[in-house]
Each structure stands twice: as C-alpha cells, then as structure tokens.
Amino acid sequence: MIRRQALAAIALACAAPFAHAQAYPSKPVRIIVPQPPGGGFDNVGRLLADRMAKVTGQSFVVENRTGSGTLVGTDAAAKSPADGYTLLVGSVSNLALNPGLYANLPYDSLKDFEPVGLLVSYSYTLVGRKDLPFRNLQEVLAHARANPGKLNYASAGNGSGQHVLAAALWHLAKVEVAHVPYRGAQPAYQDLLGGRVDLFFDLSPTARVQVDAGNAKPLAVSGAARNTMHPQVPTVLESGAADLQLESWFGLFAPAKTPPEVLQKRVPISPRWRPCRTCRSRCSRAAASPWR
C-alpha cells in the first residue's frame, strides 16, 4: 500500500510540469520593456504582445519598467519567477553592451536569461535639429573639429545603444561633442525639436517619424546599407567619417530556469512572426528587418 502511494506521488510530481506546460498560458503574460513608451524597445514589445495574443488567445501585457538606462527593467525580469509569465524584450543595449559598461551589473546576461528568439534588427539614423546648418555628416564633423565641445548630442540614457554608437563615432572621427543623456527617446526628441540639443543617433524607426514630419534632419545611417525609408541618406561608411557599422537586434527572453516545456510551448510563436503579413508590414513601415 505504502509502495503504491509512493509511486503515485512520484507519477503526480513528474506529470505536474507537463500539465503546467499544456495549460500555458492560463493567465496574462507580462512583457517587460526596460525603456519608456515610444522607443524601439516599446515598439517591439507592443508588436509582440499583439501578435502573441492573437496566436494564443491569451493576454500579453507590456510593462514599461524604466530607470538607470535599461538596468531596472532588465534586472526585474532576471529576478522574476521562472514560470513563463514574465518575458523580457532584450537588445544589444541591455544584454550585450551593458556587461561591458558596468562593473557591478545586477544581472548576468548569459546566466540569468533563456533566449526565446531573435525577432528584428534596426539600423540607427543620425538626425540633427531641423535648423542645423549642416547638410551631411562630413559638415557636422568639420564644424566639430573647428569648435570642440560646441555641438552636443542626445541619448536615451547613459550606456544606451544611442549613447555608445554616437560616442564611438565621435571617438573614431577624433572630435569632441558633448553628451546630454535623457530617460528615453521621447524626452530627447522634445529637446531636439526645441533646439536645446543638436544631434541624436536614434533607432531608425523612431527617427523616421520625426524626419517624415519635418522635425529633424537625417544625416547618416549606421547600417551596412542605406535605409529603405530614406535611401538618399548615406551610411557612416559611405561618408568616409569612420569605419563604423552597427545594427541593433531585438529578441524575446525568459528568466533562466524557465521550464523547457514552457519554452517549447512558446517558441513556436517566433517562427510565426516572419510569415505574418501584419508583422512584416509593420516592420517595413518601421524600417526594421525581421530576423532570419
């Protein structure tokens, strides 16, 4: 009798994870976006939430957890229960650059997360305030060399992709341009549009909105090829300013030790991203490339 009870208990314990996976998701899933609304992280998070809700019939809720660049939101995801009900929008910025920028990072990109899938990649577009008296990157750099520290540039925060890319450009071009960090892209644009900052090397999707509205002037793009949305704008490489090329990828990640059964339940959503006409259309409008 005791032996039968023990075997039954073992069988029940072994079946529990599989029952959990079969039921997943049985309640709303939180997608942590470690930046404020309106930027590249947020755009990807909301597109993901919308698509996965349609695929699964369950609610996926975007939660913008901001602070210290992308540290607060990313750390919150790392320390969340590994049950599949908290996911993270990860990028070059919070998972690849931060470990090299911060000596005491509160999370370990390699140990604290399980990758679910890479989704899209974006180039960056260097934009200037609309009344900036320069037509291209070469003219910006010529002025910066003649007037060290007189120009300034915005970023979405210390250590953000915008910050690192712009700083690398100024360093390689051997010019001095003052850094003005903000908490996200939107407040940076407020000051760019207001004429309080001169330049912003932002993700192309959000930069495109301001360029198309006539609020900002495109000067260069960071990718290997020109941006399809603004094909007249040369790459940094084409300009001869620096041997610099960078695109930012975005993907979906889960806390480490999330049950494999849950990840397997969720992973099939990622391959459905590329064939989705709505996803492709929205990526195209945002000058994004679905990950292959």
Protein backbone atom coordinates (compact mmCIF):
# COMPACT_ATOMS: atom_id res chain seq x y z
CA MET A 1 0.00 0.00 0.00
CA ILE A 2 2.74 2.42 1.01
CA ARG A 3 4.71 1.49 -2.12
CA ARG A 4 1.69 2.18 -4.34
CA GLN A 5 1.13 5.55 -2.66
CA ALA A 6 4.78 6.49 -3.14
CA LEU A 7 4.70 5.54 -6.82
CA ALA A 8 1.50 7.53 -7.29
CA ALA A 9 3.09 10.58 -5.66
CA ILE A 10 6.15 10.30 -7.91
CA ALA A 11 3.97 9.98 -11.01
CA LEU A 12 1.95 13.03 -9.97
CA ALA A 13 5.10 15.06 -9.36
CA CYS A 14 6.52 14.11 -12.75
CA ALA A 15 3.28 14.96 -14.50
CA ALA A 16 2.94 18.40 -12.91
CA PRO A 17 5.42 20.26 -15.15
CA PHE A 18 3.82 18.79 -18.26
CA ALA A 19 0.37 19.75 -17.07
CA HIS A 20 1.68 23.25 -16.45
CA ALA A 21 3.12 23.44 -19.95
CA GLN A 22 -0.08 22.20 -21.55
CA ALA A 23 -2.07 24.86 -19.72
CA TYR A 24 0.34 27.67 -20.59
CA PRO A 25 -0.59 30.44 -20.86
CA SER A 26 -3.54 30.26 -18.49
CA LYS A 27 -3.28 33.88 -17.28
CA PRO A 28 -1.93 37.18 -18.64
CA VAL A 29 1.76 37.17 -19.54
CA ARG A 30 3.86 40.22 -18.69
CA ILE A 31 6.36 41.51 -21.27
CA ILE A 32 8.86 43.82 -19.57
CA VAL A 33 10.10 46.68 -21.75
CA PRO A 34 13.09 48.33 -19.99
CA GLN A 35 12.57 51.71 -21.68
CA PRO A 36 9.73 54.28 -21.69
CA PRO A 37 6.91 54.19 -24.28
CA GLY A 38 7.65 55.38 -27.78
CA GLY A 39 11.12 53.95 -28.47
CA GLY A 40 12.46 50.87 -30.23
CA PHE A 41 12.08 48.58 -27.20
CA ASP A 42 8.48 49.66 -26.76
CA ASN A 43 7.60 49.29 -30.44
CA VAL A 44 8.87 45.70 -30.47
CA GLY A 45 7.20 44.85 -27.16
CA ARG A 46 3.79 46.06 -28.29
CA LEU A 47 4.02 44.35 -31.66
CA LEU A 48 4.97 41.13 -29.87
CA ALA A 49 2.16 41.43 -27.34
CA ASP A 50 -0.40 41.97 -30.06
CA ARG A 51 0.84 39.08 -32.19
CA MET A 52 1.19 36.56 -29.37
CA ALA A 53 -2.25 37.42 -28.02
CA LYS A 54 -3.72 36.57 -31.42
CA VAL A 55 -1.75 33.32 -31.67
CA THR A 56 -2.54 32.06 -28.16
CA GLY A 57 -5.86 33.72 -27.38
CA GLN A 58 -4.37 34.89 -24.06
CA SER A 59 -3.49 38.38 -22.85
CA PHE A 60 0.11 39.64 -23.15
CA VAL A 61 0.63 42.92 -21.29
CA VAL A 62 3.51 45.33 -21.90
CA GLU A 63 5.02 46.76 -18.71
CA ASN A 64 7.45 49.66 -19.13
CA ARG A 65 9.98 49.32 -16.27
CA THR A 66 12.38 52.23 -16.59
CA GLY A 67 15.37 53.54 -14.68
CA SER A 68 19.17 53.64 -14.97
CA GLY A 69 19.02 53.24 -18.72
CA THR A 70 17.76 49.69 -19.16
CA LEU A 71 19.11 48.27 -15.87
CA VAL A 72 15.98 48.42 -13.70
CA GLY A 73 13.64 46.67 -16.12
CA THR A 74 16.16 44.06 -17.19
CA ASP A 75 17.05 43.24 -13.59
CA ALA A 76 13.35 42.96 -12.69
CA ALA A 77 12.93 40.37 -15.44
CA ALA A 78 16.02 38.45 -14.31
CA LYS A 79 14.65 38.21 -10.76
CA SER A 80 11.08 37.28 -11.76
CA PRO A 81 9.70 33.77 -11.21
CA ALA A 82 10.81 31.37 -13.94
CA ASP A 83 7.28 30.27 -14.76
CA GLY A 84 6.86 31.72 -18.25
CA TYR A 85 4.61 34.57 -17.12
CA THR A 86 7.34 37.20 -17.29
CA LEU A 87 9.23 37.84 -20.52
CA LEU A 88 11.78 40.49 -21.47
CA VAL A 89 12.42 42.46 -24.62
CA GLY A 90 16.17 42.15 -24.93
CA SER A 91 18.52 44.03 -27.22
CA VAL A 92 22.14 44.82 -27.93
CA SER A 93 21.81 47.62 -25.39
CA ASN A 94 20.69 45.79 -22.25
CA LEU A 95 22.17 42.34 -22.88
CA ALA A 96 25.36 42.92 -24.90
CA LEU A 97 26.58 46.45 -24.19
CA ASN A 98 25.70 46.79 -20.50
CA PRO A 99 28.03 43.97 -19.34
CA GLY A 100 30.95 45.89 -20.83
CA LEU A 101 29.86 49.26 -19.45
CA TYR A 102 29.01 48.49 -15.82
CA ALA A 103 31.40 46.90 -13.33
CA ASN A 104 28.64 45.82 -10.94
CA LEU A 105 25.78 44.84 -13.22
CA PRO A 106 22.90 43.44 -11.11
CA TYR A 107 22.24 40.65 -13.62
CA ASP A 108 24.27 38.28 -15.78
CA SER A 109 23.13 38.33 -19.40
CA LEU A 110 24.44 34.82 -20.06
CA LYS A 111 23.27 33.13 -16.86
CA ASP A 112 20.03 34.91 -15.94
CA PHE A 113 18.08 34.56 -19.19
CA GLU A 114 16.87 31.91 -21.60
CA PRO A 115 16.56 33.10 -25.22
CA VAL A 116 13.18 32.56 -26.84
CA GLY A 117 14.02 34.05 -30.21
CA LEU A 118 15.54 36.98 -32.09
CA LEU A 119 12.92 38.97 -33.91
CA VAL A 120 14.01 42.13 -35.72
CA SER A 121 17.05 44.29 -36.37
CA TYR A 122 17.17 48.05 -36.78
CA SER A 123 19.78 50.46 -38.03
CA TYR A 124 20.31 53.83 -36.36
CA THR A 125 19.83 57.22 -38.02
CA LEU A 126 21.85 60.27 -37.01
CA VAL A 127 19.45 63.21 -37.04
CA GLY A 128 20.02 66.89 -36.36
CA ARG A 129 17.63 69.60 -35.26
CA LYS A 130 15.79 70.90 -38.30
CA ASP A 131 17.61 74.26 -38.36
CA LEU A 132 21.09 72.72 -38.00
CA PRO A 133 23.19 74.43 -40.71
CA PHE A 134 24.81 71.22 -41.96
CA ARG A 135 23.76 69.04 -44.89
CA ASN A 136 25.61 65.84 -44.01
CA LEU A 137 27.86 64.08 -41.51
CA GLN A 138 31.07 65.42 -43.08
CA GLU A 139 29.95 69.01 -42.44
CA VAL A 140 28.99 68.15 -38.85
CA LEU A 141 32.43 66.68 -38.20
CA ALA A 142 34.22 69.60 -39.86
CA HIS A 143 32.39 72.04 -37.57
CA ALA A 144 33.06 69.86 -34.51
CA ARG A 145 36.79 69.80 -35.26
CA ALA A 146 36.90 73.56 -35.60
CA ASN A 147 34.73 74.09 -32.50
CA PRO A 148 35.48 71.36 -29.92
CA GLY A 149 32.65 70.80 -27.43
CA LYS A 150 30.31 73.35 -29.01
CA LEU A 151 27.94 70.76 -30.50
CA ASN A 152 26.00 68.38 -28.29
CA TYR A 153 24.12 65.13 -28.79
CA ALA A 154 21.24 63.43 -27.01
CA SER A 155 20.89 59.79 -25.98
CA ALA A 156 18.18 57.68 -24.38
CA GLY A 157 20.38 57.30 -21.31
CA ASN A 158 23.93 56.54 -20.23
CA GLY A 159 25.02 53.24 -21.73
CA SER A 160 22.12 53.08 -24.20
CA GLY A 161 22.73 51.97 -27.77
CA GLN A 162 22.29 55.57 -28.91
CA HIS A 163 24.96 56.71 -26.45
CA VAL A 164 27.51 54.02 -27.27
CA LEU A 165 27.12 54.35 -31.04
CA ALA A 166 27.41 58.14 -31.06
CA ALA A 167 30.35 58.10 -28.65
CA ALA A 168 32.12 55.55 -30.87
CA LEU A 169 31.56 57.77 -33.92
CA TRP A 170 32.97 60.88 -32.23
CA HIS A 171 35.92 58.90 -30.91
CA LEU A 172 36.78 57.38 -34.29
CA ALA A 173 36.36 60.74 -36.02
CA LYS A 174 38.51 62.39 -33.32
CA VAL A 175 36.01 65.12 -32.46
CA GLU A 176 34.58 66.38 -29.17
CA VAL A 177 30.78 66.52 -28.93
CA ALA A 178 29.05 66.99 -25.55
CA HIS A 179 26.74 64.23 -24.32
CA VAL A 180 23.26 65.01 -22.94
CA PRO A 181 21.58 61.85 -21.56
CA TYR A 182 17.80 61.53 -21.20
CA ARG A 183 15.44 58.93 -19.78
CA GLY A 184 14.24 57.52 -23.09
CA ALA A 185 13.93 58.70 -26.67
CA GLN A 186 10.82 60.85 -26.30
CA PRO A 187 12.27 63.47 -23.90
CA ALA A 188 15.39 63.55 -26.09
CA TYR A 189 13.23 64.42 -29.08
CA GLN A 190 11.42 67.11 -27.11
CA ASP A 191 14.71 68.94 -26.63
CA LEU A 192 15.89 68.22 -30.18
CA LEU A 193 12.68 69.72 -31.56
CA GLY A 194 13.01 72.61 -29.12
CA GLY A 195 16.53 73.36 -30.33
CA ARG A 196 18.18 72.57 -26.99
CA VAL A 197 20.25 69.69 -28.39
CA ASP A 198 21.86 69.45 -31.81
CA LEU A 199 22.09 65.75 -32.67
CA PHE A 200 20.57 62.36 -31.82
CA PHE A 201 21.75 58.97 -33.16
CA ASP A 202 18.47 57.14 -32.63
CA LEU A 203 16.95 53.89 -33.84
CA SER A 204 15.72 54.39 -37.39
CA PRO A 205 12.01 53.61 -36.72
CA THR A 206 11.57 56.40 -34.18
CA ALA A 207 13.89 58.75 -36.07
CA ARG A 208 11.84 58.22 -39.20
CA VAL A 209 8.70 59.63 -37.56
CA GLN A 210 10.44 62.93 -36.79
CA VAL A 211 12.18 63.10 -40.18
CA ASP A 212 8.94 62.49 -42.09
CA ALA A 213 7.21 65.17 -40.02
CA GLY A 214 9.91 67.68 -40.93
CA ASN A 215 11.04 67.98 -37.31
CA ALA A 216 14.56 66.61 -37.79
CA LYS A 217 17.22 66.40 -40.48
CA PRO A 218 18.69 62.96 -41.39
CA LEU A 219 22.47 62.98 -41.75
CA ALA A 220 23.68 59.35 -41.81
CA VAL A 221 22.61 55.77 -41.05
CA SER A 222 24.61 53.15 -39.17
CA GLY A 223 23.82 50.01 -41.17
CA ALA A 224 25.83 48.28 -43.88
CA ALA A 225 23.33 49.53 -46.47
CA ARG A 226 21.19 52.62 -46.84
CA ASN A 227 17.82 52.70 -45.11
CA THR A 228 14.94 51.88 -47.45
CA MET A 229 12.81 54.59 -45.86
CA HIS A 230 15.36 57.33 -46.66
CA PRO A 231 17.53 55.97 -49.48
CA GLN A 232 19.07 59.37 -50.11
CA VAL A 233 20.81 59.34 -46.70
CA PRO A 234 24.32 57.78 -46.86
CA THR A 235 25.76 55.31 -44.38
CA VAL A 236 28.53 56.30 -41.98
CA LEU A 237 30.86 54.09 -44.01
CA GLU A 238 29.92 55.83 -47.26
CA SER A 239 30.57 59.21 -45.72
CA GLY A 240 34.17 58.24 -45.01
CA ALA A 241 33.83 59.61 -41.49
CA ALA A 242 34.67 56.36 -39.68
CA ASP A 243 34.91 52.61 -40.15
CA LEU A 244 31.73 52.12 -38.15
CA GLN A 245 28.70 49.93 -38.72
CA LEU A 246 26.08 48.83 -36.19
CA GLU A 247 22.54 47.50 -36.14
CA SER A 248 20.55 46.73 -33.02
CA TRP A 249 18.72 43.42 -32.72
CA PHE A 250 15.69 42.83 -30.54
CA GLY A 251 14.54 39.49 -29.15
CA LEU A 252 12.40 37.83 -26.54
CA PHE A 253 13.93 36.33 -23.39
CA ALA A 254 12.67 34.44 -20.34
CA PRO A 255 14.20 34.20 -16.85
CA ALA A 256 16.73 31.39 -16.52
CA LYS A 257 15.39 28.01 -15.37
CA THR A 258 12.04 28.60 -17.01
CA PRO A 259 10.81 25.01 -17.61
CA PRO A 260 11.79 23.71 -21.07
CA GLU A 261 8.22 22.54 -21.54
CA VAL A 262 7.01 26.12 -21.20
CA LEU A 263 9.66 27.43 -23.60
CA GLN A 264 8.71 24.76 -26.13
CA LYS A 265 5.11 25.84 -25.80
CA ARG A 266 6.05 29.43 -26.53
CA VAL A 267 8.91 29.09 -29.05
CA PRO A 268 6.62 28.19 -31.99
CA ILE A 269 5.28 31.74 -31.78
CA SER A 270 8.60 33.15 -33.02
CA PRO A 271 8.64 31.36 -36.41
CA ARG A 272 5.10 32.65 -36.96
CA TRP A 273 6.47 36.20 -36.71
CA ARG A 274 8.05 36.18 -40.16
CA PRO A 275 5.15 34.82 -42.23
CA CYS A 276 2.72 37.21 -40.53
CA ARG A 277 1.73 39.85 -43.10
CA THR A 278 0.81 42.36 -40.42
CA CYS A 279 4.19 41.89 -38.72
CA ARG A 280 6.07 42.24 -41.99
CA SER A 281 4.08 45.33 -42.92
CA ARG A 282 4.69 47.00 -39.57
CA CYS A 283 8.38 46.09 -39.71
CA SER A 284 8.62 47.57 -43.19
CA ARG A 285 6.97 50.81 -42.09
CA ALA A 286 9.40 50.97 -39.18
CA ALA A 287 12.44 50.32 -41.43
CA ALA A 288 13.08 47.10 -39.50
CA SER A 289 14.32 43.76 -40.84
CA PRO A 290 12.67 40.58 -39.50
CA TRP A 291 15.42 38.33 -38.11
CA ARG A 292 16.28 35.39 -40.38
